[in-house]
Amino acid sequence: MNGLQLRLDTNTLEGLKQIQVSLDNLKKLLPQRTKQSLTDFEAALNVTKLSLADKESSIAKVATEVKKLGKSTDQFEAFMIKDLIKAMRKSMPTENLGPMGNMALDMFDQAVSDSLSQRRQFGLSQLMLGELSNSALAQESYRLTNSIPTRNTKQ
C-alpha cells in the first residue's frame, strides 16, 4: 500500500509541476494588463474538482486561444498601419508612377506595415490582445467554476 500511495503522490506532484509550467508559459503569452483575469483563472483552477489532465487541457485551450488572438490583433494592427501610411502618402505630392509603380508602392507599404506590426511599436495589438485575453480567461474561468464541459468545435 505504501508503494502505491507513494507512486500516486509522485504522479500528482509531477502533474502539479506540469500545470505550474503551463501556467508560467501562459503568463509569457499574456500582456501585463491581464494580471487580474489570470489570477481569477488560477483561482478557478484551484477550486474546481477536475482532474489534473482536465486542468492541463483547460490551460492549453486558453494558451491556444491567446496565440490565435495575438496573430489576429497583429494582422489588424498591420492593416491599420498600412491605412495610416496610405493616408500619409496621399497628402504628399507624387509623380505618376503608372500601374506597376503604384503596385510596387502598395507592396512596399504592406511590407513596412507588417514589419512595424511585428515589432509591436504602436501598441495597438497589445492593447487589443489584453482586452480579448481578459475575455478568454473569464470565459474559461466561468466554465471551470460552473463545471461546464468543454465544447469541441471544429476550426
N, C-alpha and C. Protein backbone atom coordinates (compact mmCIF):
# COMPACT_ATOMS: atom_id res chain seq x y z
N MET A 1 0.82 -1.19 0.00
CA MET A 1 0.00 0.00 0.00
C MET A 1 0.87 1.26 0.00
N ASN A 2 1.94 1.27 0.79
CA ASN A 2 2.79 2.45 0.84
C ASN A 2 3.43 2.75 -0.51
N GLY A 3 3.86 1.71 -1.23
CA GLY A 3 4.48 1.89 -2.55
C GLY A 3 3.50 2.51 -3.51
N LEU A 4 2.23 2.04 -3.50
CA LEU A 4 1.21 2.57 -4.38
C LEU A 4 0.89 4.02 -4.01
N GLN A 5 0.75 4.30 -2.72
CA GLN A 5 0.46 5.65 -2.27
C GLN A 5 1.59 6.60 -2.66
N LEU A 6 2.84 6.16 -2.51
CA LEU A 6 3.99 6.98 -2.86
C LEU A 6 4.00 7.26 -4.36
N ARG A 7 3.69 6.25 -5.18
CA ARG A 7 3.65 6.42 -6.63
C ARG A 7 2.55 7.41 -7.02
N LEU A 8 1.39 7.31 -6.40
CA LEU A 8 0.30 8.24 -6.68
C LEU A 8 0.69 9.66 -6.30
N ASP A 9 1.32 9.82 -5.14
CA ASP A 9 1.75 11.14 -4.70
C ASP A 9 2.78 11.73 -5.65
N THR A 10 3.71 10.88 -6.13
CA THR A 10 4.72 11.34 -7.07
C THR A 10 4.08 11.76 -8.38
N ASN A 11 3.11 10.97 -8.88
CA ASN A 11 2.40 11.32 -10.10
C ASN A 11 1.61 12.62 -9.93
N THR A 12 0.98 12.78 -8.78
CA THR A 12 0.24 14.01 -8.51
C THR A 12 1.18 15.20 -8.46
N LEU A 13 2.32 15.03 -7.81
CA LEU A 13 3.30 16.10 -7.71
C LEU A 13 3.82 16.48 -9.09
N GLU A 14 4.11 15.49 -9.93
CA GLU A 14 4.57 15.76 -11.30
C GLU A 14 3.48 16.47 -12.10
N GLY A 15 2.24 16.05 -11.91
CA GLY A 15 1.13 16.69 -12.61
C GLY A 15 0.97 18.14 -12.19
N LEU A 16 1.12 18.40 -10.90
CA LEU A 16 1.03 19.78 -10.40
C LEU A 16 2.18 20.64 -10.92
N LYS A 17 3.37 20.04 -11.01
CA LYS A 17 4.51 20.77 -11.56
C LYS A 17 4.25 21.12 -13.02
N GLN A 18 3.68 20.17 -13.77
CA GLN A 18 3.39 20.41 -15.18
C GLN A 18 2.35 21.52 -15.34
N ILE A 19 1.36 21.54 -14.47
CA ILE A 19 0.35 22.61 -14.52
C ILE A 19 1.01 23.95 -14.25
N GLN A 20 1.91 24.01 -13.28
CA GLN A 20 2.61 25.27 -12.98
C GLN A 20 3.45 25.73 -14.16
N VAL A 21 4.13 24.79 -14.83
CA VAL A 21 4.92 25.14 -16.02
C VAL A 21 4.00 25.68 -17.11
N SER A 22 2.85 25.04 -17.30
CA SER A 22 1.90 25.50 -18.31
C SER A 22 1.36 26.89 -17.99
N LEU A 23 1.08 27.13 -16.71
CA LEU A 23 0.62 28.47 -16.30
C LEU A 23 1.71 29.52 -16.52
N ASP A 24 2.95 29.16 -16.25
CA ASP A 24 4.06 30.09 -16.47
C ASP A 24 4.20 30.42 -17.96
N ASN A 25 4.03 29.40 -18.81
CA ASN A 25 4.09 29.62 -20.25
C ASN A 25 2.93 30.51 -20.71
N LEU A 26 1.75 30.31 -20.12
CA LEU A 26 0.59 31.14 -20.46
C LEU A 26 0.85 32.59 -20.05
N LYS A 27 1.47 32.79 -18.90
CA LYS A 27 1.77 34.16 -18.43
C LYS A 27 2.68 34.89 -19.41
N LYS A 28 3.59 34.15 -20.06
CA LYS A 28 4.50 34.77 -21.02
C LYS A 28 3.76 35.25 -22.27
N LEU A 29 2.66 34.59 -22.60
CA LEU A 29 1.89 34.96 -23.78
C LEU A 29 1.02 36.19 -23.55
N LEU A 30 0.63 36.39 -22.30
CA LEU A 30 -0.36 37.43 -21.99
C LEU A 30 0.28 38.77 -21.71
N PRO A 31 -0.38 39.83 -22.14
CA PRO A 31 0.11 41.18 -21.79
C PRO A 31 -0.06 41.43 -20.29
N GLN A 32 0.64 42.42 -19.78
CA GLN A 32 0.64 42.74 -18.35
C GLN A 32 -0.76 43.08 -17.85
N ARG A 33 -1.58 43.68 -18.70
CA ARG A 33 -2.89 44.16 -18.27
C ARG A 33 -3.89 43.04 -17.94
N THR A 34 -3.53 41.79 -18.18
CA THR A 34 -4.45 40.68 -17.90
C THR A 34 -4.18 40.03 -16.54
N LYS A 35 -3.40 40.68 -15.71
CA LYS A 35 -2.98 40.10 -14.43
C LYS A 35 -4.16 39.64 -13.57
N GLN A 36 -5.19 40.48 -13.44
CA GLN A 36 -6.34 40.13 -12.59
C GLN A 36 -7.11 38.94 -13.18
N SER A 37 -7.31 38.93 -14.48
CA SER A 37 -8.02 37.83 -15.12
C SER A 37 -7.26 36.52 -14.96
N LEU A 38 -5.93 36.59 -15.05
CA LEU A 38 -5.11 35.40 -14.88
C LEU A 38 -5.19 34.90 -13.43
N THR A 39 -5.21 35.82 -12.47
CA THR A 39 -5.36 35.45 -11.06
C THR A 39 -6.70 34.75 -10.84
N ASP A 40 -7.76 35.28 -11.45
CA ASP A 40 -9.08 34.66 -11.33
C ASP A 40 -9.10 33.28 -11.97
N PHE A 41 -8.42 33.15 -13.11
CA PHE A 41 -8.34 31.86 -13.79
C PHE A 41 -7.61 30.83 -12.93
N GLU A 42 -6.51 31.23 -12.32
CA GLU A 42 -5.76 30.33 -11.44
C GLU A 42 -6.61 29.92 -10.24
N ALA A 43 -7.38 30.87 -9.69
CA ALA A 43 -8.26 30.55 -8.56
C ALA A 43 -9.33 29.55 -9.00
N ALA A 44 -9.87 29.72 -10.20
CA ALA A 44 -10.88 28.79 -10.71
C ALA A 44 -10.27 27.40 -10.88
N LEU A 45 -9.02 27.33 -11.33
CA LEU A 45 -8.35 26.03 -11.45
C LEU A 45 -8.19 25.37 -10.09
N ASN A 46 -7.92 26.17 -9.08
CA ASN A 46 -7.71 25.61 -7.73
C ASN A 46 -8.99 25.10 -7.09
N VAL A 47 -10.12 25.75 -7.35
CA VAL A 47 -11.35 25.34 -6.67
C VAL A 47 -12.11 24.24 -7.41
N THR A 48 -11.83 24.08 -8.68
CA THR A 48 -12.55 23.06 -9.44
C THR A 48 -12.07 21.66 -9.06
N LYS A 49 -12.94 20.69 -9.22
CA LYS A 49 -12.60 19.32 -8.86
C LYS A 49 -12.24 18.50 -10.09
N LEU A 50 -11.77 19.17 -11.13
CA LEU A 50 -11.37 18.47 -12.35
C LEU A 50 -10.05 17.73 -12.12
N SER A 51 -9.81 16.74 -12.94
CA SER A 51 -8.55 16.01 -12.86
C SER A 51 -7.41 16.91 -13.33
N LEU A 52 -6.19 16.51 -13.03
CA LEU A 52 -5.03 17.29 -13.46
C LEU A 52 -4.97 17.38 -14.98
N ALA A 53 -5.33 16.30 -15.66
CA ALA A 53 -5.32 16.30 -17.12
C ALA A 53 -6.34 17.31 -17.67
N ASP A 54 -7.50 17.39 -17.04
CA ASP A 54 -8.52 18.35 -17.48
C ASP A 54 -8.06 19.79 -17.22
N LYS A 55 -7.39 20.00 -16.10
CA LYS A 55 -6.86 21.34 -15.81
C LYS A 55 -5.79 21.71 -16.84
N GLU A 56 -4.93 20.76 -17.15
CA GLU A 56 -3.89 20.99 -18.16
C GLU A 56 -4.52 21.30 -19.52
N SER A 57 -5.58 20.59 -19.83
CA SER A 57 -6.31 20.82 -21.09
C SER A 57 -6.91 22.21 -21.11
N SER A 58 -7.44 22.65 -19.99
CA SER A 58 -8.03 23.98 -19.89
C SER A 58 -6.98 25.06 -20.11
N ILE A 59 -5.81 24.89 -19.54
CA ILE A 59 -4.72 25.85 -19.72
C ILE A 59 -4.28 25.87 -21.18
N ALA A 60 -4.17 24.68 -21.77
CA ALA A 60 -3.76 24.59 -23.18
C ALA A 60 -4.78 25.27 -24.09
N LYS A 61 -6.06 25.11 -23.75
CA LYS A 61 -7.12 25.74 -24.54
C LYS A 61 -6.98 27.26 -24.51
N VAL A 62 -6.75 27.81 -23.33
CA VAL A 62 -6.60 29.26 -23.20
C VAL A 62 -5.33 29.73 -23.93
N ALA A 63 -4.25 28.98 -23.80
CA ALA A 63 -3.00 29.36 -24.47
C ALA A 63 -3.18 29.37 -25.99
N THR A 64 -3.87 28.37 -26.52
CA THR A 64 -4.14 28.31 -27.97
C THR A 64 -4.99 29.50 -28.40
N GLU A 65 -5.99 29.81 -27.61
CA GLU A 65 -6.87 30.94 -27.92
C GLU A 65 -6.09 32.26 -27.91
N VAL A 66 -5.20 32.42 -26.93
CA VAL A 66 -4.41 33.65 -26.83
C VAL A 66 -3.46 33.77 -28.02
N LYS A 67 -2.87 32.66 -28.45
CA LYS A 67 -1.98 32.69 -29.62
C LYS A 67 -2.76 33.11 -30.87
N LYS A 68 -3.96 32.56 -31.04
CA LYS A 68 -4.80 32.94 -32.19
C LYS A 68 -5.17 34.42 -32.11
N LEU A 69 -5.53 34.87 -30.93
CA LEU A 69 -5.87 36.28 -30.74
C LEU A 69 -4.67 37.17 -31.05
N GLY A 70 -3.49 36.74 -30.64
CA GLY A 70 -2.27 37.51 -30.90
C GLY A 70 -2.01 37.68 -32.39
N LYS A 71 -2.19 36.60 -33.14
CA LYS A 71 -2.00 36.69 -34.59
C LYS A 71 -3.03 37.63 -35.21
N SER A 72 -4.26 37.51 -34.77
CA SER A 72 -5.33 38.35 -35.32
C SER A 72 -5.11 39.82 -34.99
N THR A 73 -4.72 40.12 -33.77
CA THR A 73 -4.50 41.52 -33.40
C THR A 73 -3.28 42.09 -34.12
N ASP A 74 -2.26 41.27 -34.35
CA ASP A 74 -1.10 41.73 -35.12
C ASP A 74 -1.51 42.06 -36.55
N GLN A 75 -2.34 41.21 -37.14
CA GLN A 75 -2.81 41.46 -38.51
C GLN A 75 -3.67 42.72 -38.57
N PHE A 76 -4.50 42.92 -37.57
CA PHE A 76 -5.33 44.12 -37.54
C PHE A 76 -4.45 45.37 -37.41
N GLU A 77 -3.45 45.29 -36.54
CA GLU A 77 -2.55 46.42 -36.38
C GLU A 77 -1.82 46.72 -37.69
N ALA A 78 -1.38 45.68 -38.41
CA ALA A 78 -0.72 45.87 -39.71
C ALA A 78 -1.66 46.56 -40.69
N PHE A 79 -2.93 46.16 -40.69
CA PHE A 79 -3.92 46.79 -41.56
C PHE A 79 -4.06 48.27 -41.23
N MET A 80 -4.14 48.58 -39.94
CA MET A 80 -4.30 49.97 -39.51
C MET A 80 -3.06 50.80 -39.87
N ILE A 81 -1.89 50.23 -39.71
CA ILE A 81 -0.66 50.94 -40.05
C ILE A 81 -0.60 51.19 -41.55
N LYS A 82 -0.98 50.17 -42.34
CA LYS A 82 -0.97 50.33 -43.79
C LYS A 82 -1.94 51.44 -44.20
N ASP A 83 -3.10 51.47 -43.58
CA ASP A 83 -4.08 52.51 -43.88
C ASP A 83 -3.53 53.89 -43.51
N LEU A 84 -2.81 53.97 -42.40
CA LEU A 84 -2.20 55.22 -41.97
C LEU A 84 -1.13 55.66 -42.98
N ILE A 85 -0.29 54.73 -43.43
CA ILE A 85 0.74 55.05 -44.42
C ILE A 85 0.09 55.52 -45.72
N LYS A 86 -0.98 54.85 -46.11
CA LYS A 86 -1.69 55.22 -47.34
C LYS A 86 -2.24 56.65 -47.23
N ALA A 87 -2.81 56.99 -46.10
CA ALA A 87 -3.35 58.34 -45.89
C ALA A 87 -2.22 59.37 -45.90
N MET A 88 -1.09 59.04 -45.29
CA MET A 88 0.04 59.97 -45.30
C MET A 88 0.58 60.14 -46.71
N ARG A 89 0.63 59.07 -47.47
CA ARG A 89 1.15 59.13 -48.83
C ARG A 89 0.25 60.00 -49.72
N LYS A 90 -1.06 59.98 -49.49
CA LYS A 90 -1.98 60.79 -50.27
C LYS A 90 -1.73 62.28 -50.05
N SER A 91 -1.24 62.63 -48.88
CA SER A 91 -1.03 64.05 -48.57
C SER A 91 0.24 64.60 -49.21
N MET A 92 1.07 63.73 -49.77
CA MET A 92 2.33 64.16 -50.38
C MET A 92 2.16 64.24 -51.90
N PRO A 93 2.74 65.25 -52.52
CA PRO A 93 2.69 65.29 -53.99
C PRO A 93 3.58 64.18 -54.56
N THR A 94 3.05 63.45 -55.53
CA THR A 94 3.81 62.35 -56.14
C THR A 94 3.74 62.45 -57.65
N GLU A 95 4.68 61.82 -58.29
CA GLU A 95 4.67 61.71 -59.74
C GLU A 95 3.79 60.53 -60.12
N ASN A 96 3.31 60.54 -61.34
CA ASN A 96 2.53 59.41 -61.81
C ASN A 96 3.47 58.23 -62.05
N LEU A 97 3.33 57.20 -61.27
CA LEU A 97 4.23 56.05 -61.35
C LEU A 97 3.72 54.97 -62.30
N GLY A 98 2.50 55.10 -62.73
CA GLY A 98 1.92 54.07 -63.59
C GLY A 98 1.41 52.92 -62.75
N PRO A 99 0.72 51.97 -63.39
CA PRO A 99 0.13 50.86 -62.63
C PRO A 99 1.16 49.97 -61.93
N MET A 100 2.28 49.71 -62.56
CA MET A 100 3.30 48.86 -61.94
C MET A 100 3.97 49.58 -60.77
N GLY A 101 4.20 50.86 -60.94
CA GLY A 101 4.81 51.64 -59.86
C GLY A 101 3.89 51.74 -58.66
N ASN A 102 2.60 51.94 -58.91
CA ASN A 102 1.63 52.00 -57.81
C ASN A 102 1.53 50.66 -57.08
N MET A 103 1.58 49.57 -57.85
CA MET A 103 1.53 48.24 -57.24
C MET A 103 2.78 48.00 -56.38
N ALA A 104 3.94 48.40 -56.89
CA ALA A 104 5.19 48.24 -56.13
C ALA A 104 5.14 49.08 -54.85
N LEU A 105 4.61 50.29 -54.95
CA LEU A 105 4.48 51.16 -53.79
C LEU A 105 3.54 50.56 -52.75
N ASP A 106 2.44 49.97 -53.21
CA ASP A 106 1.49 49.33 -52.32
C ASP A 106 2.14 48.12 -51.62
N MET A 107 2.91 47.34 -52.37
CA MET A 107 3.60 46.18 -51.78
C MET A 107 4.64 46.65 -50.74
N PHE A 108 5.31 47.76 -51.05
CA PHE A 108 6.28 48.31 -50.10
C PHE A 108 5.58 48.76 -48.82
N ASP A 109 4.46 49.45 -48.98
CA ASP A 109 3.69 49.90 -47.81
C ASP A 109 3.24 48.72 -46.95
N GLN A 110 2.83 47.63 -47.62
CA GLN A 110 2.40 46.42 -46.90
C GLN A 110 3.57 45.83 -46.11
N ALA A 111 4.74 45.77 -46.74
CA ALA A 111 5.92 45.21 -46.07
C ALA A 111 6.31 46.07 -44.86
N VAL A 112 6.26 47.38 -45.01
CA VAL A 112 6.59 48.28 -43.89
C VAL A 112 5.59 48.11 -42.76
N SER A 113 4.30 48.04 -43.10
CA SER A 113 3.28 47.91 -42.05
C SER A 113 3.39 46.56 -41.34
N ASP A 114 3.69 45.50 -42.09
CA ASP A 114 3.88 44.19 -41.45
C ASP A 114 5.08 44.21 -40.51
N SER A 115 6.15 44.83 -40.95
CA SER A 115 7.36 44.90 -40.13
C SER A 115 7.12 45.70 -38.85
N LEU A 116 6.46 46.83 -38.97
CA LEU A 116 6.16 47.64 -37.78
C LEU A 116 5.22 46.90 -36.83
N SER A 117 4.26 46.19 -37.39
CA SER A 117 3.32 45.44 -36.56
C SER A 117 4.02 44.32 -35.80
N GLN A 118 4.93 43.62 -36.46
CA GLN A 118 5.64 42.52 -35.81
C GLN A 118 6.53 43.02 -34.67
N ARG A 119 7.03 44.22 -34.80
CA ARG A 119 7.86 44.81 -33.74
C ARG A 119 7.02 45.33 -32.59
N ARG A 120 5.72 45.44 -32.82
CA ARG A 120 4.78 45.94 -31.81
C ARG A 120 5.18 47.32 -31.30
N GLN A 121 5.53 48.17 -32.24
CA GLN A 121 5.94 49.53 -31.91
C GLN A 121 4.76 50.44 -31.57
N PHE A 122 3.60 50.18 -32.16
CA PHE A 122 2.46 51.06 -31.96
C PHE A 122 1.69 50.73 -30.69
N GLY A 123 1.67 49.48 -30.28
CA GLY A 123 0.99 49.09 -29.06
C GLY A 123 -0.49 48.77 -29.22
N LEU A 124 -1.03 49.00 -30.40
CA LEU A 124 -2.45 48.71 -30.63
C LEU A 124 -2.74 47.22 -30.49
N SER A 125 -1.87 46.40 -31.04
CA SER A 125 -2.05 44.95 -30.96
C SER A 125 -2.05 44.47 -29.51
N GLN A 126 -1.10 44.97 -28.71
CA GLN A 126 -1.01 44.56 -27.30
C GLN A 126 -2.22 45.02 -26.50
N LEU A 127 -2.70 46.22 -26.81
CA LEU A 127 -3.88 46.75 -26.13
C LEU A 127 -5.10 45.86 -26.41
N MET A 128 -5.29 45.56 -27.68
CA MET A 128 -6.43 44.71 -28.06
C MET A 128 -6.27 43.29 -27.52
N LEU A 129 -5.05 42.76 -27.58
CA LEU A 129 -4.80 41.42 -27.06
C LEU A 129 -5.11 41.35 -25.57
N GLY A 130 -4.75 42.39 -24.84
CA GLY A 130 -5.05 42.42 -23.41
C GLY A 130 -6.54 42.33 -23.14
N GLU A 131 -7.32 43.12 -23.86
CA GLU A 131 -8.77 43.11 -23.66
C GLU A 131 -9.39 41.77 -24.07
N LEU A 132 -8.98 41.26 -25.22
CA LEU A 132 -9.55 40.00 -25.70
C LEU A 132 -9.10 38.81 -24.84
N SER A 133 -7.87 38.87 -24.34
CA SER A 133 -7.38 37.80 -23.46
C SER A 133 -8.15 37.78 -22.15
N ASN A 134 -8.48 38.96 -21.63
CA ASN A 134 -9.30 39.03 -20.42
C ASN A 134 -10.61 38.28 -20.64
N SER A 135 -11.20 38.48 -21.79
CA SER A 135 -12.46 37.81 -22.11
C SER A 135 -12.28 36.29 -22.19
N ALA A 136 -11.22 35.84 -22.86
CA ALA A 136 -10.97 34.40 -22.98
C ALA A 136 -10.73 33.76 -21.61
N LEU A 137 -9.96 34.45 -20.77
CA LEU A 137 -9.70 33.92 -19.42
C LEU A 137 -10.98 33.90 -18.58
N ALA A 138 -11.80 34.94 -18.70
CA ALA A 138 -13.05 35.00 -17.94
C ALA A 138 -14.00 33.89 -18.37
N GLN A 139 -14.09 33.63 -19.66
CA GLN A 139 -14.97 32.56 -20.15
C GLN A 139 -14.52 31.20 -19.62
N GLU A 140 -13.22 30.94 -19.67
CA GLU A 140 -12.73 29.65 -19.20
C GLU A 140 -12.85 29.54 -17.68
N SER A 141 -12.66 30.64 -16.95
CA SER A 141 -12.85 30.63 -15.50
C SER A 141 -14.29 30.30 -15.15
N TYR A 142 -15.21 30.92 -15.88
CA TYR A 142 -16.63 30.65 -15.65
C TYR A 142 -16.95 29.18 -15.92
N ARG A 143 -16.40 28.65 -17.01
CA ARG A 143 -16.64 27.25 -17.36
C ARG A 143 -16.10 26.33 -16.27
N LEU A 144 -14.93 26.65 -15.74
CA LEU A 144 -14.32 25.82 -14.70
C LEU A 144 -15.12 25.86 -13.40
N THR A 145 -15.51 27.05 -12.98
CA THR A 145 -16.20 27.17 -11.69
C THR A 145 -17.62 26.64 -11.73
N ASN A 146 -18.20 26.56 -12.93
CA ASN A 146 -19.56 26.03 -13.06
C ASN A 146 -19.58 24.63 -13.64
N SER A 147 -18.41 24.02 -13.77
CA SER A 147 -18.25 22.65 -14.26
C SER A 147 -18.99 22.42 -15.58
N ILE A 148 -18.85 23.36 -16.49
CA ILE A 148 -19.45 23.22 -17.81
C ILE A 148 -18.45 22.49 -18.69
N PRO A 149 -18.85 21.40 -19.34
CA PRO A 149 -17.90 20.66 -20.16
C PRO A 149 -17.42 21.50 -21.35
N THR A 150 -16.19 21.23 -21.77
CA THR A 150 -15.63 21.93 -22.92
C THR A 150 -16.32 21.46 -24.18
N ARG A 151 -16.67 22.42 -25.03
CA ARG A 151 -17.28 22.09 -26.31
C ARG A 151 -16.18 21.85 -27.32
N ASN A 152 -16.27 20.78 -28.07
CA ASN A 152 -15.34 20.55 -29.14
C ASN A 152 -15.87 21.22 -30.39
N THR A 153 -15.16 22.24 -30.86
CA THR A 153 -15.60 22.93 -32.06
C THR A 153 -14.55 22.72 -33.14
N LYS A 154 -15.02 22.56 -34.35
CA LYS A 154 -14.09 22.39 -35.47
C LYS A 154 -13.69 23.76 -35.97
N GLN A 155 -12.39 23.96 -36.12
CA GLN A 155 -11.86 25.25 -36.57
C GLN A 155 -11.50 25.17 -38.02
